[in-house]
Amino acid sequence: MIYKVADYDTAHEIVEDNRFLEWDGYDIVTWRKNPGALMDKRGAFRDGAWGLLYRYPLQDDGTWNIPEIYYD
């Protein structure tokens, strides 16, 4: 997977424009339904279903590394 660096303003635009992304504190997260997530360390139970939670944390330099697929 190819990642791109996003600054504060770019990260907010990407999250606003993408229905799969949301904020969790300072981290950007996405959740995808997956029945196998029950036994995965990224597994999370939401809305009555198991899924994988992918977290893109804030880096020490104040940027986020976000997968290229979420950019326009």
C-alpha atoms as a PDB file:
ATOM      1  CA  MET A   1       0.000   0.000   0.000  1.00  0.00           C
ATOM      2  CA  ILE A   2       1.286   3.435  -0.903  1.00  0.00           C
ATOM      3  CA  TYR A   3       1.005   6.159   1.746  1.00  0.00           C
ATOM      4  CA  LYS A   4       1.067   9.912   1.301  1.00  0.00           C
ATOM      5  CA  VAL A   5       1.887  12.467   3.968  1.00  0.00           C
ATOM      6  CA  ALA A   6      -0.963  14.809   4.939  1.00  0.00           C
ATOM      7  CA  ASP A   7      -0.637  17.980   6.959  1.00  0.00           C
ATOM      8  CA  TYR A   8      -3.371  19.261   9.304  1.00  0.00           C
ATOM      9  CA  ASP A   9      -5.524  20.975   6.657  1.00  0.00           C
ATOM     10  CA  THR A  10      -5.157  18.169   4.110  1.00  0.00           C
ATOM     11  CA  ALA A  11      -6.024  15.506   6.701  1.00  0.00           C
ATOM     12  CA  HIS A  12      -9.218  17.340   7.655  1.00  0.00           C
ATOM     13  CA  GLU A  13     -10.241  17.685   4.005  1.00  0.00           C
ATOM     14  CA  ILE A  14      -9.623  13.972   3.366  1.00  0.00           C
ATOM     15  CA  VAL A  15     -11.694  12.892   6.385  1.00  0.00           C
ATOM     16  CA  GLU A  16     -14.540  15.276   5.485  1.00  0.00           C
ATOM     17  CA  ASP A  17     -14.617  14.064   1.872  1.00  0.00           C
ATOM     18  CA  ASN A  18     -14.456  10.328   2.619  1.00  0.00           C
ATOM     19  CA  ARG A  19     -17.349   8.509   4.279  1.00  0.00           C
ATOM     20  CA  PHE A  20     -15.092   5.626   5.343  1.00  0.00           C
ATOM     21  CA  LEU A  21     -12.769   7.784   7.462  1.00  0.00           C
ATOM     22  CA  GLU A  22     -13.408   9.328  10.863  1.00  0.00           C
ATOM     23  CA  TRP A  23     -11.503  10.879  13.729  1.00  0.00           C
ATOM     24  CA  ASP A  24     -10.643   9.059  16.957  1.00  0.00           C
ATOM     25  CA  GLY A  25      -8.907  11.714  19.004  1.00  0.00           C
ATOM     26  CA  TYR A  26      -5.936  12.740  16.877  1.00  0.00           C
ATOM     27  CA  ASP A  27      -5.909   9.491  14.890  1.00  0.00           C
ATOM     28  CA  ILE A  28      -7.688   8.872  11.611  1.00  0.00           C
ATOM     29  CA  VAL A  29      -9.479   5.506  11.540  1.00  0.00           C
ATOM     30  CA  THR A  30     -11.473   3.395   9.125  1.00  0.00           C
ATOM     31  CA  TRP A  31     -13.559   0.308   9.904  1.00  0.00           C
ATOM     32  CA  ARG A  32     -14.405  -2.418   7.391  1.00  0.00           C
ATOM     33  CA  LYS A  33     -16.899  -5.206   8.092  1.00  0.00           C
ATOM     34  CA  ASN A  34     -15.123  -8.559   8.278  1.00  0.00           C
ATOM     35  CA  PRO A  35     -16.438 -11.669  10.087  1.00  0.00           C
ATOM     36  CA  GLY A  36     -12.859 -12.901  10.630  1.00  0.00           C
ATOM     37  CA  ALA A  37     -12.098  -9.816  12.725  1.00  0.00           C
ATOM     38  CA  LEU A  38     -13.253 -11.636  15.855  1.00  0.00           C
ATOM     39  CA  MET A  39      -9.781 -13.201  16.194  1.00  0.00           C
ATOM     40  CA  ASP A  40      -7.733 -10.317  14.780  1.00  0.00           C
ATOM     41  CA  LYS A  41      -5.867  -7.790  16.947  1.00  0.00           C
ATOM     42  CA  ARG A  42      -7.462  -5.004  14.876  1.00  0.00           C
ATOM     43  CA  GLY A  43     -10.941  -6.474  15.406  1.00  0.00           C
ATOM     44  CA  ALA A  44     -13.680  -4.129  16.595  1.00  0.00           C
ATOM     45  CA  PHE A  45     -17.388  -4.741  17.164  1.00  0.00           C
ATOM     46  CA  ARG A  46     -19.603  -1.971  15.772  1.00  0.00           C
ATOM     47  CA  ASP A  47     -23.261  -1.754  14.878  1.00  0.00           C
ATOM     48  CA  GLY A  48     -23.824  -5.453  15.561  1.00  0.00           C
ATOM     49  CA  ALA A  49     -20.985  -6.699  13.350  1.00  0.00           C
ATOM     50  CA  TRP A  50     -17.272  -7.456  13.554  1.00  0.00           C
ATOM     51  CA  GLY A  51     -14.841  -5.540  11.405  1.00  0.00           C
ATOM     52  CA  LEU A  52     -11.215  -4.494  11.091  1.00  0.00           C
ATOM     53  CA  LEU A  53     -10.208  -1.112  12.450  1.00  0.00           C
ATOM     54  CA  TYR A  54      -7.326   0.541  10.624  1.00  0.00           C
ATOM     55  CA  ARG A  55      -5.667   3.397  12.501  1.00  0.00           C
ATOM     56  CA  TYR A  56      -3.495   6.131  10.989  1.00  0.00           C
ATOM     57  CA  PRO A  57      -1.916   7.889  13.969  1.00  0.00           C
ATOM     58  CA  LEU A  58      -0.587  11.415  14.204  1.00  0.00           C
ATOM     59  CA  GLN A  59       3.166  11.365  13.593  1.00  0.00           C
ATOM     60  CA  ASP A  60       5.738  13.186  15.733  1.00  0.00           C
ATOM     61  CA  ASP A  61       6.130  15.863  13.056  1.00  0.00           C
ATOM     62  CA  GLY A  62       2.392  16.715  13.112  1.00  0.00           C
ATOM     63  CA  THR A  63       1.427  14.860   9.933  1.00  0.00           C
ATOM     64  CA  TRP A  64      -0.498  11.698   9.095  1.00  0.00           C
ATOM     65  CA  ASN A  65       0.493   8.913   6.692  1.00  0.00           C
ATOM     66  CA  ILE A  66      -2.747   8.113   4.877  1.00  0.00           C
ATOM     67  CA  PRO A  67      -3.166   5.494   2.141  1.00  0.00           C
ATOM     68  CA  GLU A  68      -3.190   6.978  -1.331  1.00  0.00           C
ATOM     69  CA  ILE A  69      -6.625   5.436  -2.072  1.00  0.00           C
ATOM     70  CA  TYR A  70      -8.298   8.047   0.171  1.00  0.00           C
ATOM     71  CA  TYR A  71      -6.961  10.992  -1.835  1.00  0.00           C
ATOM     72  CA  ASP A  72      -9.082  12.380  -4.699  1.00  0.00           C
END
